[in-house]
Amino acid sequence: MRSDEDSPGERAIPNNWDVLHESPPDEDPVASPPPDADASGSPPTLNLLASSWADAVAALGVCTAALFGLDAAGHSPSLTALPWAVALGLLWWLAAAAASIMIRQATPGMLLAGVVFSNRVAPVRVAAVIIAAAVTAALMGLPNLLGPRRSPLALAAASRLESIPAT
């Protein structure tokens, strides 16, 4: 709501309306970081496991959506449609993983778990990272128990794994 008493300068939208400004230190709502926060930025092992689980769930979600789509279209999805739905889910995950590795330096599951590569992944290493992510997802993330430095994903990308900074 505007009133007629406002000057034209007050009615204009500021040029930097979408810029976040740092709050002064005395107004900071968080006094200290949580006690379990790691200063090195390496993600907890649980997040590494969750990233592999999320990759598997993402592919299975597309598979399930394809089967529900067949059912909604009036076709009765039988066991013969299951391999096609699984192939669709895997194909979607491969495309999504390749794109998100190149753009966001993480697979879709890694992004959901708050884990990224610290350095940009070289284009020649993308296939190796996708294979490593698929193998760790198929093994329910167990290879990620080796930690963020020796994880198959970190070795395939030749980059350290780190947590997405929460600001």
N, C-alpha and C. Protein backbone atom coordinates (compact mmCIF):
# COMPACT_ATOMS: atom_id res chain seq x y z
N MET A 1 0.84 -1.17 0.00
CA MET A 1 0.00 0.00 0.00
C MET A 1 0.88 1.23 0.00
N ARG A 2 0.49 2.19 -0.82
CA ARG A 2 1.21 3.46 -0.88
C ARG A 2 0.27 4.57 -0.47
N SER A 3 0.84 5.52 0.17
CA SER A 3 0.04 6.70 0.49
C SER A 3 0.49 7.84 -0.41
N ASP A 4 -0.33 8.83 -0.51
CA ASP A 4 -0.02 9.96 -1.37
C ASP A 4 1.07 10.84 -0.77
N GLU A 5 1.37 10.65 0.53
CA GLU A 5 2.38 11.47 1.16
C GLU A 5 3.80 11.01 0.84
N ASP A 6 3.99 9.78 0.34
CA ASP A 6 5.33 9.28 0.04
C ASP A 6 5.94 10.08 -1.09
N SER A 7 7.22 10.35 -0.94
CA SER A 7 7.91 11.04 -2.02
C SER A 7 8.23 10.04 -3.12
N PRO A 8 8.45 10.49 -4.36
CA PRO A 8 8.76 9.56 -5.44
C PRO A 8 10.01 8.74 -5.19
N GLY A 9 10.99 9.29 -4.45
CA GLY A 9 12.21 8.55 -4.14
C GLY A 9 11.95 7.39 -3.20
N GLU A 10 10.98 7.53 -2.30
CA GLU A 10 10.67 6.46 -1.35
C GLU A 10 9.87 5.35 -2.03
N ARG A 11 9.17 5.66 -3.12
CA ARG A 11 8.36 4.67 -3.81
C ARG A 11 9.19 3.78 -4.73
N ALA A 12 10.36 4.22 -5.11
CA ALA A 12 11.19 3.46 -6.04
C ALA A 12 11.81 2.25 -5.34
N ILE A 13 11.96 1.19 -6.08
CA ILE A 13 12.61 -0.01 -5.55
C ILE A 13 14.11 0.21 -5.61
N PRO A 14 14.82 -0.06 -4.52
CA PRO A 14 16.27 0.15 -4.54
C PRO A 14 16.95 -0.77 -5.55
N ASN A 15 18.09 -0.32 -6.07
CA ASN A 15 18.80 -1.10 -7.07
C ASN A 15 19.36 -2.40 -6.50
N ASN A 16 19.70 -2.42 -5.25
CA ASN A 16 20.31 -3.61 -4.65
C ASN A 16 19.33 -4.34 -3.74
N TRP A 17 18.08 -4.43 -4.14
CA TRP A 17 17.07 -5.08 -3.31
C TRP A 17 17.33 -6.58 -3.15
N ASP A 18 18.06 -7.20 -4.08
CA ASP A 18 18.27 -8.65 -4.02
C ASP A 18 19.62 -9.03 -3.44
N VAL A 19 20.35 -8.11 -2.88
CA VAL A 19 21.68 -8.37 -2.33
C VAL A 19 21.55 -8.60 -0.83
N LEU A 20 22.16 -9.70 -0.36
CA LEU A 20 22.19 -9.96 1.07
C LEU A 20 23.37 -9.22 1.68
N HIS A 21 23.13 -8.51 2.74
CA HIS A 21 24.17 -7.76 3.41
C HIS A 21 24.56 -8.49 4.68
N GLU A 22 25.86 -8.45 5.01
CA GLU A 22 26.34 -9.06 6.24
C GLU A 22 25.76 -8.30 7.42
N SER A 23 25.32 -9.05 8.43
CA SER A 23 24.82 -8.39 9.63
C SER A 23 26.00 -8.00 10.50
N PRO A 24 25.86 -6.92 11.24
CA PRO A 24 26.95 -6.52 12.14
C PRO A 24 27.22 -7.64 13.15
N PRO A 25 28.47 -7.74 13.63
CA PRO A 25 28.81 -8.84 14.55
C PRO A 25 27.97 -8.86 15.82
N ASP A 26 27.54 -7.68 16.30
CA ASP A 26 26.77 -7.66 17.54
C ASP A 26 25.34 -8.13 17.33
N GLU A 27 24.86 -8.18 16.08
CA GLU A 27 23.50 -8.63 15.81
C GLU A 27 23.46 -10.06 15.28
N ASP A 28 24.56 -10.77 15.31
CA ASP A 28 24.63 -12.12 14.78
C ASP A 28 23.80 -13.05 15.66
N PRO A 29 22.77 -13.72 15.11
CA PRO A 29 21.91 -14.56 15.94
C PRO A 29 22.61 -15.84 16.42
N VAL A 30 23.62 -16.28 15.71
CA VAL A 30 24.34 -17.49 16.11
C VAL A 30 25.66 -17.07 16.73
N ALA A 31 25.82 -17.34 18.00
CA ALA A 31 27.02 -16.89 18.70
C ALA A 31 28.24 -17.72 18.34
N SER A 32 28.08 -19.02 18.20
CA SER A 32 29.21 -19.87 17.89
C SER A 32 28.73 -21.02 17.01
N PRO A 33 29.66 -21.63 16.26
CA PRO A 33 29.25 -22.75 15.44
C PRO A 33 28.83 -23.94 16.30
N PRO A 34 28.04 -24.85 15.75
CA PRO A 34 27.65 -26.01 16.53
C PRO A 34 28.87 -26.82 16.95
N PRO A 35 28.79 -27.50 18.09
CA PRO A 35 29.97 -28.21 18.58
C PRO A 35 30.43 -29.34 17.68
N ASP A 36 29.55 -29.91 16.85
CA ASP A 36 29.95 -31.02 16.00
C ASP A 36 30.44 -30.56 14.63
N ALA A 37 30.53 -29.26 14.42
CA ALA A 37 30.99 -28.76 13.12
C ALA A 37 32.48 -29.01 12.97
N ASP A 38 32.87 -29.49 11.80
CA ASP A 38 34.28 -29.78 11.52
C ASP A 38 34.90 -28.55 10.87
N ALA A 39 35.99 -28.08 11.45
CA ALA A 39 36.64 -26.87 10.95
C ALA A 39 37.26 -27.09 9.57
N SER A 40 37.60 -28.32 9.22
CA SER A 40 38.25 -28.57 7.94
C SER A 40 37.27 -28.55 6.78
N GLY A 41 35.98 -28.64 7.04
CA GLY A 41 34.99 -28.62 5.98
C GLY A 41 34.70 -29.98 5.39
N SER A 42 35.36 -31.03 5.87
CA SER A 42 35.09 -32.36 5.33
C SER A 42 33.77 -32.86 5.89
N PRO A 43 32.97 -33.50 5.05
CA PRO A 43 31.64 -33.92 5.48
C PRO A 43 31.70 -35.14 6.40
N PRO A 44 30.71 -35.28 7.26
CA PRO A 44 30.64 -36.47 8.10
C PRO A 44 30.41 -37.72 7.25
N THR A 45 30.80 -38.86 7.78
CA THR A 45 30.64 -40.12 7.06
C THR A 45 29.18 -40.41 6.78
N LEU A 46 28.29 -40.02 7.69
CA LEU A 46 26.86 -40.24 7.47
C LEU A 46 26.37 -39.51 6.23
N ASN A 47 26.88 -38.31 5.99
CA ASN A 47 26.50 -37.57 4.79
C ASN A 47 26.99 -38.26 3.52
N LEU A 48 28.16 -38.87 3.61
CA LEU A 48 28.67 -39.61 2.45
C LEU A 48 27.80 -40.82 2.16
N LEU A 49 27.39 -41.53 3.21
CA LEU A 49 26.47 -42.65 3.02
C LEU A 49 25.13 -42.16 2.45
N ALA A 50 24.63 -41.06 2.99
CA ALA A 50 23.36 -40.52 2.54
C ALA A 50 23.42 -40.07 1.09
N SER A 51 24.57 -39.61 0.63
CA SER A 51 24.67 -39.19 -0.78
C SER A 51 24.49 -40.38 -1.71
N SER A 52 25.03 -41.53 -1.35
CA SER A 52 24.86 -42.72 -2.18
C SER A 52 23.43 -43.23 -2.12
N TRP A 53 22.84 -43.18 -0.93
CA TRP A 53 21.45 -43.61 -0.81
C TRP A 53 20.54 -42.69 -1.62
N ALA A 54 20.82 -41.40 -1.60
CA ALA A 54 19.99 -40.44 -2.34
C ALA A 54 20.13 -40.64 -3.85
N ASP A 55 21.32 -41.00 -4.31
CA ASP A 55 21.47 -41.30 -5.74
C ASP A 55 20.61 -42.50 -6.13
N ALA A 56 20.61 -43.54 -5.30
CA ALA A 56 19.80 -44.72 -5.60
C ALA A 56 18.32 -44.39 -5.55
N VAL A 57 17.90 -43.61 -4.57
CA VAL A 57 16.49 -43.25 -4.44
C VAL A 57 16.04 -42.37 -5.61
N ALA A 58 16.91 -41.50 -6.10
CA ALA A 58 16.55 -40.64 -7.23
C ALA A 58 16.26 -41.48 -8.47
N ALA A 59 17.09 -42.47 -8.74
CA ALA A 59 16.86 -43.34 -9.90
C ALA A 59 15.60 -44.18 -9.70
N LEU A 60 15.40 -44.69 -8.48
CA LEU A 60 14.20 -45.49 -8.22
C LEU A 60 12.93 -44.65 -8.25
N GLY A 61 13.05 -43.37 -7.90
CA GLY A 61 11.89 -42.48 -7.96
C GLY A 61 11.40 -42.29 -9.38
N VAL A 62 12.31 -42.14 -10.32
CA VAL A 62 11.92 -42.00 -11.73
C VAL A 62 11.32 -43.31 -12.23
N CYS A 63 11.88 -44.42 -11.81
CA CYS A 63 11.36 -45.74 -12.18
C CYS A 63 9.92 -45.90 -11.67
N THR A 64 9.69 -45.54 -10.42
CA THR A 64 8.36 -45.63 -9.84
C THR A 64 7.38 -44.68 -10.53
N ALA A 65 7.84 -43.48 -10.85
CA ALA A 65 6.98 -42.52 -11.54
C ALA A 65 6.59 -43.03 -12.93
N ALA A 66 7.51 -43.71 -13.60
CA ALA A 66 7.18 -44.28 -14.92
C ALA A 66 6.12 -45.36 -14.79
N LEU A 67 6.23 -46.20 -13.77
CA LEU A 67 5.23 -47.25 -13.58
C LEU A 67 3.87 -46.66 -13.19
N PHE A 68 3.87 -45.63 -12.34
CA PHE A 68 2.61 -44.97 -12.00
C PHE A 68 2.02 -44.26 -13.21
N GLY A 69 2.88 -43.70 -14.06
CA GLY A 69 2.40 -43.05 -15.28
C GLY A 69 1.73 -44.05 -16.22
N LEU A 70 2.30 -45.23 -16.34
CA LEU A 70 1.66 -46.27 -17.15
C LEU A 70 0.31 -46.66 -16.58
N ASP A 71 0.25 -46.77 -15.25
CA ASP A 71 -1.01 -47.12 -14.61
C ASP A 71 -2.05 -46.02 -14.79
N ALA A 72 -1.64 -44.78 -14.68
CA ALA A 72 -2.57 -43.65 -14.83
C ALA A 72 -3.05 -43.52 -16.27
N ALA A 73 -2.23 -43.95 -17.23
CA ALA A 73 -2.63 -43.87 -18.64
C ALA A 73 -3.57 -44.99 -19.03
N GLY A 74 -3.85 -45.89 -18.11
CA GLY A 74 -4.80 -46.96 -18.40
C GLY A 74 -4.15 -48.27 -18.78
N HIS A 75 -2.84 -48.30 -18.83
CA HIS A 75 -2.13 -49.54 -19.13
C HIS A 75 -1.84 -50.24 -17.81
N SER A 76 -1.98 -51.53 -17.82
CA SER A 76 -1.65 -52.25 -16.59
C SER A 76 -0.16 -52.58 -16.61
N PRO A 77 0.62 -51.91 -15.74
CA PRO A 77 2.06 -52.19 -15.76
C PRO A 77 2.32 -53.60 -15.23
N SER A 78 2.92 -54.41 -16.06
CA SER A 78 3.25 -55.77 -15.66
C SER A 78 4.75 -55.88 -15.45
N LEU A 79 5.20 -57.06 -15.20
CA LEU A 79 6.63 -57.26 -15.00
C LEU A 79 7.43 -57.00 -16.26
N THR A 80 6.79 -57.04 -17.42
CA THR A 80 7.52 -56.75 -18.66
C THR A 80 7.87 -55.27 -18.77
N ALA A 81 7.12 -54.41 -18.08
CA ALA A 81 7.41 -52.97 -18.11
C ALA A 81 8.48 -52.58 -17.10
N LEU A 82 8.73 -53.44 -16.14
CA LEU A 82 9.70 -53.10 -15.09
C LEU A 82 11.11 -52.85 -15.62
N PRO A 83 11.66 -53.69 -16.51
CA PRO A 83 13.00 -53.39 -17.03
C PRO A 83 13.07 -52.06 -17.79
N TRP A 84 12.01 -51.73 -18.49
CA TRP A 84 11.99 -50.45 -19.21
C TRP A 84 11.94 -49.29 -18.24
N ALA A 85 11.17 -49.44 -17.17
CA ALA A 85 11.10 -48.37 -16.17
C ALA A 85 12.43 -48.21 -15.45
N VAL A 86 13.10 -49.33 -15.14
CA VAL A 86 14.41 -49.26 -14.50
C VAL A 86 15.42 -48.60 -15.44
N ALA A 87 15.36 -48.97 -16.72
CA ALA A 87 16.27 -48.36 -17.70
C ALA A 87 16.01 -46.85 -17.80
N LEU A 88 14.75 -46.44 -17.76
CA LEU A 88 14.42 -45.01 -17.79
C LEU A 88 14.98 -44.30 -16.57
N GLY A 89 14.83 -44.91 -15.40
CA GLY A 89 15.37 -44.31 -14.18
C GLY A 89 16.88 -44.17 -14.22
N LEU A 90 17.57 -45.21 -14.71
CA LEU A 90 19.02 -45.15 -14.81
C LEU A 90 19.49 -44.14 -15.85
N LEU A 91 18.77 -44.08 -16.97
CA LEU A 91 19.13 -43.10 -18.01
C LEU A 91 18.94 -41.68 -17.50
N TRP A 92 17.84 -41.44 -16.79
CA TRP A 92 17.63 -40.11 -16.22
C TRP A 92 18.74 -39.79 -15.23
N TRP A 93 19.10 -40.74 -14.36
CA TRP A 93 20.13 -40.47 -13.36
C TRP A 93 21.47 -40.20 -14.04
N LEU A 94 21.81 -40.94 -15.09
CA LEU A 94 23.06 -40.70 -15.80
C LEU A 94 23.12 -39.29 -16.37
N ALA A 95 22.03 -38.87 -16.99
CA ALA A 95 22.00 -37.51 -17.56
C ALA A 95 22.05 -36.44 -16.47
N ALA A 96 21.28 -36.65 -15.41
CA ALA A 96 21.27 -35.68 -14.31
C ALA A 96 22.62 -35.63 -13.61
N ALA A 97 23.25 -36.79 -13.43
CA ALA A 97 24.55 -36.82 -12.76
C ALA A 97 25.61 -36.13 -13.61
N ALA A 98 25.61 -36.39 -14.91
CA ALA A 98 26.61 -35.75 -15.78
C ALA A 98 26.44 -34.23 -15.77
N ALA A 99 25.20 -33.78 -15.86
CA ALA A 99 24.97 -32.33 -15.87
C ALA A 99 25.32 -31.70 -14.52
N SER A 100 24.91 -32.32 -13.44
CA SER A 100 25.18 -31.70 -12.14
C SER A 100 26.66 -31.79 -11.75
N ILE A 101 27.37 -32.80 -12.23
CA ILE A 101 28.82 -32.85 -11.95
C ILE A 101 29.51 -31.71 -12.68
N MET A 102 29.13 -31.46 -13.90
CA MET A 102 29.77 -30.39 -14.67
C MET A 102 29.38 -29.00 -14.14
N ILE A 103 28.15 -28.84 -13.68
CA ILE A 103 27.68 -27.52 -13.27
C ILE A 103 27.89 -27.27 -11.78
N ARG A 104 27.48 -28.23 -10.95
CA ARG A 104 27.50 -28.02 -9.50
C ARG A 104 28.59 -28.79 -8.76
N GLN A 105 29.42 -29.56 -9.47
CA GLN A 105 30.50 -30.36 -8.90
C GLN A 105 29.99 -31.37 -7.88
N ALA A 106 28.88 -32.05 -8.22
CA ALA A 106 28.33 -33.09 -7.36
C ALA A 106 27.27 -33.86 -8.12
N THR A 107 27.02 -35.09 -7.70
CA THR A 107 25.90 -35.85 -8.26
C THR A 107 24.62 -35.36 -7.60
N PRO A 108 23.44 -35.72 -8.12
CA PRO A 108 22.20 -35.29 -7.46
C PRO A 108 22.11 -35.74 -6.01
N GLY A 109 22.54 -36.96 -5.71
CA GLY A 109 22.51 -37.44 -4.34
C GLY A 109 23.48 -36.69 -3.44
N MET A 110 24.63 -36.34 -3.97
CA MET A 110 25.59 -35.56 -3.18
C MET A 110 25.02 -34.20 -2.84
N LEU A 111 24.34 -33.58 -3.79
CA LEU A 111 23.74 -32.27 -3.52
C LEU A 111 22.66 -32.38 -2.45
N LEU A 112 21.87 -33.45 -2.50
CA LEU A 112 20.83 -33.64 -1.49
C LEU A 112 21.43 -33.87 -0.11
N ALA A 113 22.59 -34.49 -0.05
CA ALA A 113 23.24 -34.76 1.24
C ALA A 113 24.16 -33.62 1.67
N GLY A 114 24.31 -32.60 0.87
CA GLY A 114 25.14 -31.46 1.25
C GLY A 114 26.63 -31.69 1.07
N VAL A 115 27.00 -32.47 0.05
CA VAL A 115 28.40 -32.79 -0.20
C VAL A 115 28.74 -32.37 -1.63
N VAL A 116 29.90 -31.74 -1.81
CA VAL A 116 30.36 -31.35 -3.15
C VAL A 116 31.86 -31.63 -3.25
N PHE A 117 32.36 -31.63 -4.47
CA PHE A 117 33.80 -31.72 -4.69
C PHE A 117 34.40 -30.34 -4.45
N SER A 118 35.57 -30.30 -3.83
CA SER A 118 36.18 -29.01 -3.52
C SER A 118 36.70 -28.31 -4.77
N ASN A 119 37.12 -29.07 -5.78
CA ASN A 119 37.62 -28.49 -7.02
C ASN A 119 36.72 -28.91 -8.17
N ARG A 120 36.81 -28.16 -9.25
CA ARG A 120 36.04 -28.49 -10.45
C ARG A 120 36.50 -29.83 -11.00
N VAL A 121 35.56 -30.68 -11.39
CA VAL A 121 35.88 -32.00 -11.94
C VAL A 121 36.24 -31.83 -13.41
N ALA A 122 37.38 -32.37 -13.79
CA ALA A 122 37.83 -32.29 -15.18
C ALA A 122 36.87 -33.08 -16.07
N PRO A 123 36.58 -32.58 -17.27
CA PRO A 123 35.65 -33.28 -18.15
C PRO A 123 36.05 -34.72 -18.47
N VAL A 124 37.34 -35.02 -18.49
CA VAL A 124 37.76 -36.39 -18.78
C VAL A 124 37.48 -37.33 -17.60
N ARG A 125 37.23 -36.78 -16.43
CA ARG A 125 36.99 -37.60 -15.23
C ARG A 125 35.51 -37.78 -14.94
N VAL A 126 34.62 -37.14 -15.70
CA VAL A 126 33.20 -37.22 -15.41
C VAL A 126 32.69 -38.65 -15.50
N ALA A 127 33.10 -39.38 -16.52
CA ALA A 127 32.65 -40.77 -16.67
C ALA A 127 33.10 -41.62 -15.49
N ALA A 128 34.32 -41.43 -15.03
CA ALA A 128 34.82 -42.19 -13.88
C ALA A 128 34.04 -41.85 -12.61
N VAL A 129 33.69 -40.58 -12.45
CA VAL A 129 32.92 -40.17 -11.28
C VAL A 129 31.52 -40.78 -11.33
N ILE A 130 30.91 -40.80 -12.51
CA ILE A 130 29.57 -41.38 -12.65
C ILE A 130 29.61 -42.89 -12.34
N ILE A 131 30.63 -43.57 -12.84
CA ILE A 131 30.76 -45.00 -12.56
C ILE A 131 30.97 -45.23 -11.06
N ALA A 132 31.82 -44.43 -10.45
CA ALA A 132 32.07 -44.57 -9.00
C ALA A 132 30.80 -44.29 -8.20
N ALA A 133 30.03 -43.28 -8.61
CA ALA A 133 28.79 -42.97 -7.91
C ALA A 133 27.77 -44.10 -8.08
N ALA A 134 27.70 -44.67 -9.28
CA ALA A 134 26.76 -45.78 -9.51
C ALA A 134 27.14 -47.01 -8.70
N VAL A 135 28.44 -47.30 -8.63
CA VAL A 135 28.89 -48.47 -7.86
C VAL A 135 28.64 -48.26 -6.37
N THR A 136 28.94 -47.07 -5.85
CA THR A 136 28.71 -46.83 -4.43
C THR A 136 27.22 -46.82 -4.10
N ALA A 137 26.38 -46.35 -5.03
CA ALA A 137 24.93 -46.39 -4.80
C ALA A 137 24.44 -47.84 -4.81
N ALA A 138 24.97 -48.66 -5.72
CA ALA A 138 24.57 -50.07 -5.78
C ALA A 138 25.02 -50.83 -4.54
N LEU A 139 26.13 -50.41 -3.94
CA LEU A 139 26.64 -51.05 -2.73
C LEU A 139 26.14 -50.36 -1.46
N MET A 140 25.08 -49.59 -1.58
CA MET A 140 24.44 -48.89 -0.46
C MET A 140 25.38 -47.94 0.28
N GLY A 141 26.37 -47.40 -0.42
CA GLY A 141 27.27 -46.42 0.15
C GLY A 141 28.39 -46.98 1.00
N LEU A 142 28.50 -48.27 1.09
CA LEU A 142 29.53 -48.86 1.96
C LEU A 142 30.96 -48.43 1.61
N PRO A 143 31.33 -48.26 0.33
CA PRO A 143 32.69 -47.78 0.05
C PRO A 143 32.96 -46.39 0.62
N ASN A 144 31.93 -45.62 0.90
CA ASN A 144 32.12 -44.29 1.46
C ASN A 144 32.51 -44.32 2.93
N LEU A 145 32.47 -45.51 3.55
CA LEU A 145 32.93 -45.62 4.92
C LEU A 145 34.43 -45.38 5.04
N LEU A 146 35.12 -45.37 3.91
CA LEU A 146 36.55 -45.08 3.91
C LEU A 146 36.84 -43.63 4.26
N GLY A 147 35.84 -42.78 4.21
CA GLY A 147 36.02 -41.38 4.58
C GLY A 147 36.05 -40.47 3.37
N PRO A 148 36.03 -39.16 3.63
CA PRO A 148 35.96 -38.20 2.52
C PRO A 148 37.23 -38.14 1.67
N ARG A 149 38.37 -38.53 2.20
CA ARG A 149 39.60 -38.46 1.41
C ARG A 149 39.82 -39.70 0.56
N ARG A 150 39.39 -40.87 1.07
CA ARG A 150 39.62 -42.11 0.34
C ARG A 150 38.35 -42.67 -0.27
N SER A 151 37.31 -41.88 -0.33
CA SER A 151 36.07 -42.31 -0.95
C SER A 151 36.29 -42.54 -2.44
N PRO A 152 35.63 -43.55 -3.04
CA PRO A 152 35.78 -43.76 -4.48
C PRO A 152 35.40 -42.53 -5.30
N LEU A 153 34.46 -41.75 -4.81
CA LEU A 153 34.08 -40.53 -5.52
C LEU A 153 35.22 -39.52 -5.52
N ALA A 154 35.88 -39.36 -4.38
CA ALA A 154 37.00 -38.41 -4.30
C ALA A 154 38.17 -38.88 -5.15
N LEU A 155 38.41 -40.19 -5.15
CA LEU A 155 39.51 -40.72 -5.96
C LEU A 155 39.22 -40.58 -7.45
N ALA A 156 37.98 -40.84 -7.85
CA ALA A 156 37.62 -40.75 -9.26
C ALA A 156 37.69 -39.31 -9.76
N ALA A 157 37.31 -38.36 -8.91
CA ALA A 157 37.31 -36.96 -9.33
C ALA A 157 38.65 -36.28 -9.11
N ALA A 158 39.56 -36.92 -8.38
CA ALA A 158 40.84 -36.32 -8.00
C ALA A 158 40.61 -35.00 -7.28
N SER A 159 39.63 -35.02 -6.38
CA SER A 159 39.27 -33.83 -5.63
C SER A 159 38.76 -34.25 -4.26
N ARG A 160 38.99 -33.41 -3.28
CA ARG A 160 38.49 -33.67 -1.94
C ARG A 160 36.99 -33.47 -1.89
N LEU A 161 36.31 -34.18 -1.00
CA LEU A 161 34.90 -33.96 -0.76
C LEU A 161 34.77 -32.98 0.41
N GLU A 162 33.83 -32.06 0.29
CA GLU A 162 33.61 -31.10 1.38
C GLU A 162 32.12 -30.84 1.52
N SER A 163 31.75 -30.34 2.68
CA SER A 163 30.36 -30.00 2.94
C SER A 163 30.01 -28.69 2.24
N ILE A 164 28.77 -28.58 1.84
CA ILE A 164 28.30 -27.33 1.28
C ILE A 164 28.23 -26.33 2.43
N PRO A 165 28.85 -25.18 2.29
CA PRO A 165 28.82 -24.22 3.39
C PRO A 165 27.41 -23.73 3.65
N ALA A 166 26.99 -23.79 4.87
CA ALA A 166 25.68 -23.31 5.27
C ALA A 166 25.81 -21.89 5.76
N THR A 167 25.28 -20.95 4.99
CA THR A 167 25.37 -19.55 5.38
C THR A 167 24.02 -18.96 5.62
